[in-house]
Amino acid sequence: MELISLTFLVFVHLVFLTAGEITQSGLTDKSLTKHSNPAIGSDTETVNVATTDDEWDRAVCKGTKLLFGTTLNPNQAILHCRPLTTPWHGTLVNELTTWGYYDASDDEDRKGACNFETKFSGLTRAFRELGVGMHDYTDGGPNRCFTVVHYDGPAVEKNPDGSMPRRSTQHYTVNGRRYKITGAHFIIGVNSKDGYMFFIDRSSPETQARLIWNVPTHIPIPRDEMPALRSSSDIAWGFWNRVSGYNLGGINAFISFEVVNEETGRIIDRAMKKNGHDEVPPWPGVRFNSGTEEYRALLGSPNGLAAGYLLTQHKREMGGNKYVSHIIVFMEDDPTGWPNLLFKVDWAPPPPPPPPPPQPSATQPLQAKSIGEHAQELQNEEQTHVEGAKILGSSRDGKHIVREHVIRAT
């Protein structure tokens, strides 16, 4: 069975890993010109397109932890991946409001946002062969887009005359503490009929806060200044609950459209070259199975973490262990487009039985704590995963090019 062989394949790699927290990398979306080389960047731009060994190894490390986090039962998964749980459950309608967000999903200018036949016409063949509908729910299709922005929300303090302050001066209060608005935004699509989630456009609170607060990239922003609800995986789970609350375990795939994240782009480029490709081909693209290093690097990339975390942290609600069985990297039929990532989701095969515990000697006392108790201690530690700030480069969750769906500043 693939998972059993995979366990031994990556065991040596895991020996060097701690059961530490994986930080979800931040995402910045920029409206940039498309280039002629869909894998790495334009022929004329001066960009660092070669991933370093350290960057690749970090992504492989994160992907390995997430693979074990998704495929193993909780008492074993916690030994490899933290945090294994999340405090965010349900539709998150009230929670998003509390933490300063504005839900713009039903605004007039957002209608039809999930009409992919219009937005991503170069993916028509891919959607057709996947058997997934491309139309927005307003046109009778299966896709529903949600948009939340971290400004102008109901919790934002108003001016004395009742008007909304300028975005850079907006504040809100939670549990007696005053926070600044970050300007983050998330556009995520859900298709409960086919079991697909679409990462269309995301920019994390930390990434956007640097812009709106004028914080240089070398100065860290304390996590406690960020909204507690800030990770793509948590927000996407809330949207999935709104549409598919009757079948939470029905997730079949994630698609990250038009990957513009520089780090993910370098990882894609290296994965392509390791498999003899100079550029990302159009659909059916290049497939990476879970036993490969390239798969683990892509899962651990900024555009893969949200999918891995969502599956890791919601085992109970989904009814078991679901994992990314393979990843497909593919282009639009338009050769000047950008790479897309499809994370195929399946039920994980049963994990191999753990090795028998060593027999205690007469002089060796039994351990006081079981693995399960140790895992519970780890779960109770502070859970601080957040989408940090990795600045994107050329327009390539993910995480996606801002075209007609640009969030306009005031």
Protein backbone atom coordinates (compact mmCIF):
# COMPACT_ATOMS: atom_id res chain seq x y z
CA MET A 1 0.00 0.00 0.00
CA GLU A 2 1.31 3.46 -0.94
CA LEU A 3 1.08 4.92 2.56
CA ILE A 4 2.98 2.06 4.16
CA SER A 5 5.85 2.37 1.70
CA LEU A 6 5.75 6.13 2.09
CA THR A 7 6.10 5.79 5.85
CA PHE A 8 9.44 4.06 5.47
CA LEU A 9 10.46 6.38 2.63
CA VAL A 10 10.25 9.51 4.74
CA PHE A 11 11.09 7.99 8.14
CA VAL A 12 14.76 8.86 7.89
CA HIS A 13 13.83 12.40 6.93
CA LEU A 14 11.53 12.69 9.93
CA VAL A 15 14.23 11.57 12.33
CA PHE A 16 15.72 15.03 11.94
CA LEU A 17 12.44 16.86 12.47
CA THR A 18 10.93 18.03 15.71
CA ALA A 19 7.22 17.84 16.35
CA GLY A 20 7.13 21.59 15.96
CA GLU A 21 4.60 24.04 14.72
CA ILE A 22 4.36 24.73 10.99
CA THR A 23 3.90 28.40 10.23
CA GLN A 24 1.53 29.14 7.39
CA SER A 25 3.30 31.48 5.02
CA GLY A 26 1.69 34.75 4.10
CA LEU A 27 0.36 35.54 0.70
CA THR A 28 0.45 38.75 -1.21
CA ASP A 29 -1.43 39.27 -4.44
CA LYS A 30 -0.27 41.91 -6.88
CA SER A 31 -1.75 42.99 -10.17
CA LEU A 32 1.20 42.42 -12.45
CA THR A 33 1.77 41.78 -16.11
CA LYS A 34 1.74 38.17 -17.24
CA HIS A 35 5.00 36.84 -18.62
CA SER A 36 6.09 34.51 -21.38
CA ASN A 37 7.65 31.83 -19.22
CA PRO A 38 4.83 30.30 -17.20
CA ALA A 39 7.08 28.37 -14.89
CA ILE A 40 9.51 30.88 -13.49
CA GLY A 41 9.08 34.48 -14.64
CA SER A 42 9.41 36.73 -17.63
CA ASP A 43 12.36 36.68 -19.98
CA THR A 44 12.98 40.35 -19.30
CA GLU A 45 12.36 40.63 -15.57
CA THR A 46 15.29 40.37 -13.19
CA VAL A 47 14.05 38.01 -10.51
CA ASN A 48 15.59 35.30 -8.37
CA VAL A 49 14.01 32.24 -9.94
CA ALA A 50 16.15 29.45 -8.50
CA THR A 51 15.02 28.01 -5.20
CA THR A 52 17.84 27.42 -2.75
CA ASP A 53 18.46 24.06 -1.13
CA ASP A 54 17.41 25.53 2.22
CA GLU A 55 14.14 26.85 0.82
CA TRP A 56 13.40 23.52 -0.87
CA ASP A 57 14.31 21.52 2.23
CA ARG A 58 12.10 23.69 4.43
CA ALA A 59 9.16 23.13 2.11
CA VAL A 60 9.82 19.38 2.01
CA CYS A 61 10.02 19.36 5.81
CA LYS A 62 6.68 21.18 6.17
CA GLY A 63 5.04 18.96 3.57
CA THR A 64 6.30 15.82 5.28
CA LYS A 65 4.84 16.92 8.59
CA LEU A 66 1.52 17.77 6.96
CA LEU A 67 1.44 14.43 5.16
CA PHE A 68 1.76 12.60 8.46
CA GLY A 69 -0.61 15.07 10.10
CA THR A 70 -3.31 14.26 7.57
CA THR A 71 -2.83 10.49 7.24
CA LEU A 72 -2.22 9.40 10.82
CA ASN A 73 -4.75 9.18 13.63
CA PRO A 74 -4.67 12.13 16.06
CA ASN A 75 -2.61 10.48 18.80
CA GLN A 76 0.17 9.76 16.29
CA ALA A 77 -0.30 12.79 14.03
CA ILE A 78 0.34 15.16 16.94
CA LEU A 79 3.88 13.78 17.19
CA HIS A 80 4.65 15.16 13.73
CA CYS A 81 2.42 18.18 13.16
CA ARG A 82 1.34 21.03 15.40
CA PRO A 83 -1.11 22.58 15.96
CA LEU A 84 -3.33 19.58 15.27
CA THR A 85 -6.49 21.36 16.34
CA THR A 86 -7.98 24.81 15.83
CA PRO A 87 -10.42 26.84 17.92
CA TRP A 88 -12.34 27.90 14.79
CA HIS A 89 -15.36 25.81 13.83
CA GLY A 90 -18.68 26.29 12.09
CA THR A 91 -19.59 29.04 9.64
CA LEU A 92 -17.52 31.71 11.48
CA VAL A 93 -20.05 34.41 10.55
CA ASN A 94 -20.02 35.97 14.02
CA GLU A 95 -16.33 35.33 14.62
CA LEU A 96 -15.29 37.13 11.44
CA THR A 97 -17.43 40.11 12.42
CA THR A 98 -15.97 40.16 15.92
CA TRP A 99 -12.42 40.26 14.56
CA GLY A 100 -13.01 43.26 12.34
CA TYR A 101 -13.85 41.65 8.99
CA TYR A 102 -16.45 42.76 6.50
CA ASP A 103 -18.22 40.06 4.49
CA ALA A 104 -18.52 41.47 0.98
CA SER A 105 -19.72 38.21 -0.58
CA ASP A 106 -23.17 39.55 -1.49
CA ASP A 107 -22.10 43.01 -2.60
CA GLU A 108 -23.31 43.90 -6.06
CA ASP A 109 -19.80 44.15 -7.49
CA ARG A 110 -18.97 40.64 -6.19
CA LYS A 111 -21.82 38.85 -7.94
CA GLY A 112 -20.68 36.25 -10.43
CA ALA A 113 -17.21 36.07 -8.88
CA CYS A 114 -17.23 32.28 -9.26
CA ASN A 115 -18.12 32.26 -12.95
CA PHE A 116 -14.88 30.55 -13.93
CA GLU A 117 -15.90 30.21 -17.55
CA THR A 118 -15.43 33.97 -17.76
CA LYS A 119 -12.58 34.46 -15.31
CA PHE A 120 -10.49 31.44 -16.28
CA SER A 121 -11.56 30.61 -19.82
CA GLY A 122 -8.19 28.98 -20.43
CA LEU A 123 -9.10 26.29 -17.89
CA THR A 124 -12.31 25.18 -19.62
CA ARG A 125 -10.75 21.95 -20.86
CA ALA A 126 -9.33 21.13 -17.42
CA PHE A 127 -12.69 21.70 -15.71
CA ARG A 128 -14.48 19.64 -18.35
CA GLU A 129 -12.12 16.68 -17.97
CA LEU A 130 -12.34 16.93 -14.18
CA GLY A 131 -16.13 16.89 -14.43
CA VAL A 132 -16.45 20.11 -12.42
CA GLY A 133 -18.93 22.88 -13.24
CA MET A 134 -17.59 26.36 -14.04
CA HIS A 135 -20.66 28.55 -13.44
CA ASP A 136 -21.48 30.76 -10.47
CA TYR A 137 -24.47 29.86 -8.31
CA THR A 138 -26.21 33.04 -9.47
CA ASP A 139 -26.26 31.51 -12.96
CA GLY A 140 -27.49 28.14 -11.71
CA GLY A 141 -23.99 26.73 -11.33
CA PRO A 142 -22.41 24.90 -8.37
CA ASN A 143 -19.79 27.48 -7.40
CA ARG A 144 -20.23 30.01 -4.60
CA CYS A 145 -17.59 32.66 -3.95
CA PHE A 146 -17.03 34.28 -0.56
CA THR A 147 -15.12 37.52 -0.04
CA VAL A 148 -14.06 38.90 3.34
CA VAL A 149 -11.90 41.97 3.86
CA HIS A 150 -10.26 43.17 7.05
CA TYR A 151 -11.61 46.72 6.99
CA ASP A 152 -14.95 48.59 7.00
CA GLY A 153 -16.54 45.84 9.11
CA PRO A 154 -19.44 46.26 11.55
CA ALA A 155 -17.02 46.15 14.50
CA VAL A 156 -14.92 49.07 13.24
CA GLU A 157 -15.16 52.21 15.38
CA LYS A 158 -16.97 55.01 13.54
CA ASN A 159 -16.15 58.71 13.45
CA PRO A 160 -18.25 61.01 15.70
CA ASP A 161 -20.48 61.79 12.71
CA GLY A 162 -21.08 58.08 12.11
CA SER A 163 -18.89 57.85 9.03
CA MET A 164 -16.23 55.20 8.47
CA PRO A 165 -12.65 56.35 9.18
CA ARG A 166 -9.91 56.09 6.59
CA ARG A 167 -8.70 52.52 6.33
CA SER A 168 -5.27 53.29 7.77
CA THR A 169 -6.86 54.68 10.95
CA GLN A 170 -9.56 52.05 11.54
CA HIS A 171 -9.70 50.18 14.87
CA TYR A 172 -11.87 47.55 16.53
CA THR A 173 -11.96 46.10 20.04
CA VAL A 174 -12.07 42.46 21.16
CA ASN A 175 -12.17 41.43 24.83
CA GLY A 176 -11.19 44.94 25.93
CA ARG A 177 -8.16 45.20 23.64
CA ARG A 178 -8.02 47.64 20.76
CA TYR A 179 -6.65 46.40 17.41
CA LYS A 180 -5.76 48.08 14.13
CA ILE A 181 -7.30 47.03 10.83
CA THR A 182 -4.81 45.20 8.58
CA GLY A 183 -6.40 45.45 5.12
CA ALA A 184 -6.23 41.68 4.52
CA HIS A 185 -8.59 40.02 2.06
CA PHE A 186 -9.67 36.49 1.16
CA ILE A 187 -11.63 35.39 -1.91
CA ILE A 188 -12.39 31.67 -1.74
CA GLY A 189 -14.85 29.62 -3.77
CA VAL A 190 -16.79 26.56 -2.65
CA ASN A 191 -18.46 23.88 -4.77
CA SER A 192 -20.25 21.39 -2.52
CA LYS A 193 -21.71 19.44 -5.46
CA ASP A 194 -18.30 18.39 -6.74
CA GLY A 195 -16.46 18.76 -3.44
CA TYR A 196 -14.05 21.47 -4.61
CA MET A 197 -12.62 24.50 -2.84
CA PHE A 198 -11.00 27.28 -4.87
CA PHE A 199 -8.31 29.62 -3.55
CA ILE A 200 -8.77 32.62 -5.83
CA ASP A 201 -7.17 35.63 -4.13
CA ARG A 202 -5.67 35.84 -0.66
CA SER A 203 -3.49 38.37 1.11
CA SER A 204 -2.75 37.72 4.76
CA PRO A 205 -3.20 40.20 7.62
CA GLU A 206 0.54 40.45 8.26
CA THR A 207 1.37 41.05 4.60
CA GLN A 208 -1.24 43.77 4.22
CA ALA A 209 -0.53 45.29 7.64
CA ARG A 210 3.02 46.01 6.54
CA LEU A 211 1.64 48.07 3.70
CA ILE A 212 -1.11 49.90 5.56
CA TRP A 213 0.97 50.42 8.72
CA ASN A 214 4.19 51.22 6.81
CA VAL A 215 6.20 48.53 8.62
CA PRO A 216 9.50 47.58 6.90
CA THR A 217 9.89 43.90 6.02
CA HIS A 218 12.86 43.44 8.38
CA ILE A 219 10.83 44.51 11.43
CA PRO A 220 8.68 41.70 12.86
CA ILE A 221 5.05 42.42 13.66
CA PRO A 222 4.02 40.85 17.00
CA ARG A 223 1.47 38.11 16.44
CA ASP A 224 -0.76 39.43 19.18
CA GLU A 225 -1.34 42.57 17.09
CA MET A 226 -2.93 40.44 14.38
CA PRO A 227 -6.57 39.26 14.41
CA ALA A 228 -6.77 35.87 16.11
CA LEU A 229 -8.79 34.60 13.14
CA ARG A 230 -6.35 35.07 10.28
CA SER A 231 -5.34 31.79 8.60
CA SER A 232 -6.62 30.81 5.17
CA SER A 233 -7.31 27.28 6.37
CA ASP A 234 -9.62 28.52 9.15
CA ILE A 235 -11.46 31.01 6.97
CA ALA A 236 -11.85 28.48 4.14
CA TRP A 237 -13.27 25.97 6.62
CA GLY A 238 -15.90 28.51 7.66
CA PHE A 239 -16.94 29.02 4.03
CA TRP A 240 -17.08 25.25 3.46
CA ASN A 241 -19.41 24.97 6.47
CA ARG A 242 -21.76 27.58 5.02
CA VAL A 243 -22.28 25.61 1.82
CA SER A 244 -21.58 21.99 2.77
CA GLY A 245 -22.40 21.81 6.47
CA TYR A 246 -24.45 18.67 5.82
CA ASN A 247 -21.41 16.87 4.32
CA LEU A 248 -18.24 18.23 5.88
CA GLY A 249 -16.24 15.19 4.80
CA GLY A 250 -17.12 15.73 1.14
CA ILE A 251 -13.95 17.65 0.18
CA ASN A 252 -12.47 16.12 -2.97
CA ALA A 253 -9.94 18.72 -4.08
CA PHE A 254 -8.50 22.20 -3.70
CA ILE A 255 -7.46 24.35 -6.64
CA SER A 256 -5.10 27.27 -6.20
CA PHE A 257 -5.55 29.51 -9.24
CA GLU A 258 -2.80 31.50 -10.95
CA VAL A 259 0.03 31.05 -8.49
CA VAL A 260 1.92 34.33 -8.17
CA ASN A 261 3.76 33.61 -4.92
CA GLU A 262 7.51 33.89 -5.58
CA GLU A 263 8.52 31.11 -3.20
CA THR A 264 5.91 28.71 -4.55
CA GLY A 265 6.97 29.67 -8.07
CA ARG A 266 10.57 28.70 -7.35
CA ILE A 267 9.44 25.40 -5.83
CA ILE A 268 7.28 24.68 -8.89
CA ASP A 269 10.20 25.48 -11.16
CA ARG A 270 12.52 23.09 -9.33
CA ALA A 271 9.89 20.35 -9.28
CA MET A 272 9.44 20.76 -13.03
CA LYS A 273 13.16 20.61 -13.75
CA LYS A 274 13.60 17.52 -11.56
CA ASN A 275 11.06 15.85 -13.84
CA GLY A 276 12.53 17.01 -17.14
CA HIS A 277 10.21 19.97 -17.81
CA ASP A 278 11.47 23.45 -18.63
CA GLU A 279 7.98 24.93 -18.32
CA VAL A 280 4.66 23.98 -16.78
CA PRO A 281 2.54 22.27 -19.46
CA PRO A 282 -1.20 22.84 -19.89
CA TRP A 283 -3.75 20.34 -18.62
CA PRO A 284 -3.29 17.46 -17.78
CA GLY A 285 -0.08 19.03 -16.45
CA VAL A 286 2.42 17.15 -14.31
CA ARG A 287 1.27 14.91 -11.48
CA PHE A 288 3.23 14.33 -8.27
CA ASN A 289 2.16 11.43 -6.05
CA SER A 290 2.50 11.44 -2.28
CA GLY A 291 5.59 9.23 -2.31
CA THR A 292 7.71 11.87 -4.05
CA GLU A 293 9.86 14.64 -2.66
CA GLU A 294 8.35 17.08 -5.15
CA TYR A 295 4.88 16.38 -3.74
CA ARG A 296 6.06 17.16 -0.22
CA ALA A 297 7.73 20.38 -1.34
CA LEU A 298 4.56 21.54 -3.10
CA LEU A 299 2.36 20.61 -0.12
CA GLY A 300 4.75 22.54 2.13
CA SER A 301 4.84 25.57 -0.16
CA PRO A 302 2.95 28.78 0.75
CA ASN A 303 0.17 27.73 -1.63
CA GLY A 304 -0.16 24.23 -0.18
CA LEU A 305 -0.20 24.85 3.55
CA ALA A 306 -3.85 25.91 3.79
CA ALA A 307 -5.05 22.68 2.17
CA GLY A 308 -2.82 20.57 4.42
CA TYR A 309 -3.79 22.39 7.58
CA LEU A 310 -7.51 22.32 6.85
CA LEU A 311 -7.43 18.53 6.46
CA THR A 312 -5.16 18.07 9.47
CA GLN A 313 -7.22 20.13 11.90
CA HIS A 314 -10.74 18.96 11.06
CA LYS A 315 -10.50 15.16 11.21
CA ARG A 316 -13.35 14.87 13.69
CA GLU A 317 -15.77 17.01 11.69
CA MET A 318 -14.88 15.26 8.43
CA GLY A 319 -15.29 11.82 9.97
CA GLY A 320 -11.73 10.57 9.58
CA ASN A 321 -8.38 11.13 7.95
CA LYS A 322 -8.45 12.81 4.54
CA TYR A 323 -5.20 13.68 2.80
CA VAL A 324 -3.82 15.12 -0.42
CA SER A 325 -3.20 11.98 -2.48
CA HIS A 326 -1.50 13.79 -5.35
CA ILE A 327 -0.79 17.27 -6.68
CA ILE A 328 -1.13 18.37 -10.30
CA VAL A 329 0.69 21.44 -11.61
CA PHE A 330 -0.81 22.77 -14.83
CA MET A 331 -1.16 25.83 -17.00
CA GLU A 332 -4.11 27.44 -18.66
CA ASP A 333 -4.34 26.67 -22.36
CA ASP A 334 -3.19 30.27 -22.80
CA PRO A 335 0.64 29.89 -22.91
CA THR A 336 1.18 33.28 -21.28
CA GLY A 337 -0.81 32.34 -18.18
CA TRP A 338 0.27 31.28 -14.73
CA PRO A 339 0.67 27.91 -13.01
CA ASN A 340 -2.29 26.40 -11.16
CA LEU A 341 -2.14 23.77 -8.43
CA LEU A 342 -4.72 21.02 -7.92
CA PHE A 343 -4.54 19.19 -4.59
CA LYS A 344 -6.56 15.96 -4.97
CA VAL A 345 -8.12 14.80 -1.70
CA ASP A 346 -8.97 11.21 -0.76
CA TRP A 347 -9.58 9.18 2.36
CA ALA A 348 -6.26 8.09 3.78
CA PRO A 349 -5.55 4.35 3.77
CA PRO A 350 -5.24 2.76 7.21
CA PRO A 351 -1.85 3.61 8.72
CA PRO A 352 0.58 0.75 9.35
CA PRO A 353 0.53 -0.59 12.91
CA PRO A 354 3.08 1.05 15.21
CA PRO A 355 6.10 -1.03 16.27
CA PRO A 356 5.65 -2.91 19.55
CA PRO A 357 6.85 -0.97 22.59
CA PRO A 358 10.15 -2.10 24.14
CA GLN A 359 9.77 -4.55 26.98
CA PRO A 360 10.69 -2.89 30.30
CA SER A 361 13.48 -4.55 32.19
CA ALA A 362 13.24 -5.40 35.83
CA THR A 363 15.37 -2.37 36.66
CA GLN A 364 13.62 0.00 34.24
CA PRO A 365 10.44 1.65 35.58
CA LEU A 366 7.43 2.00 33.31
CA GLN A 367 6.92 5.41 31.74
CA ALA A 368 4.34 7.44 33.61
CA LYS A 369 2.77 8.98 30.51
CA SER A 370 1.39 7.28 27.45
CA ILE A 371 1.83 8.62 23.92
CA GLY A 372 -1.77 9.75 23.97
CA GLU A 373 -1.25 11.76 27.15
CA HIS A 374 1.89 13.36 25.69
CA ALA A 375 -0.03 14.24 22.54
CA GLN A 376 -2.74 15.92 24.60
CA GLU A 377 -0.09 18.05 26.31
CA LEU A 378 1.20 19.15 22.92
CA GLN A 379 -2.33 19.98 21.77
CA ASN A 380 -2.82 22.16 24.82
CA GLU A 381 0.23 24.28 24.04
CA GLU A 382 -0.39 27.71 22.61
CA GLN A 383 -1.50 27.37 18.99
CA THR A 384 -0.04 30.26 17.09
CA HIS A 385 -0.07 29.28 13.43
CA VAL A 386 -0.56 32.29 11.23
CA GLU A 387 0.02 33.28 7.68
CA GLY A 388 3.27 35.19 7.89
CA ALA A 389 4.59 37.68 5.38
CA LYS A 390 6.30 36.24 2.34
CA ILE A 391 6.39 38.97 -0.24
CA LEU A 392 5.29 37.82 -3.70
CA GLY A 393 6.94 38.76 -6.87
CA SER A 394 5.60 38.60 -10.37
CA SER A 395 1.96 37.82 -10.88
CA ARG A 396 1.90 34.05 -10.85
CA ASP A 397 -3.91 30.49 -1.25
CA GLY A 398 -3.46 29.54 -2.82
CA LYS A 399 -1.45 32.74 -4.24
CA HIS A 400 -3.23 34.24 -7.14
CA ILE A 401 -3.13 37.11 -9.49
CA VAL A 402 -5.30 40.11 -8.77
CA ARG A 403 -7.00 41.01 -12.00
CA GLU A 404 -10.59 42.13 -12.15
CA HIS A 405 -11.10 41.14 -8.53
CA VAL A 406 -8.73 43.76 -7.09
CA ILE A 407 -9.66 45.04 -3.62
CA ARG A 408 -9.67 48.81 -4.09
CA ALA A 409 -8.29 51.02 -1.35
CA THR A 410 -10.05 54.15 -0.18
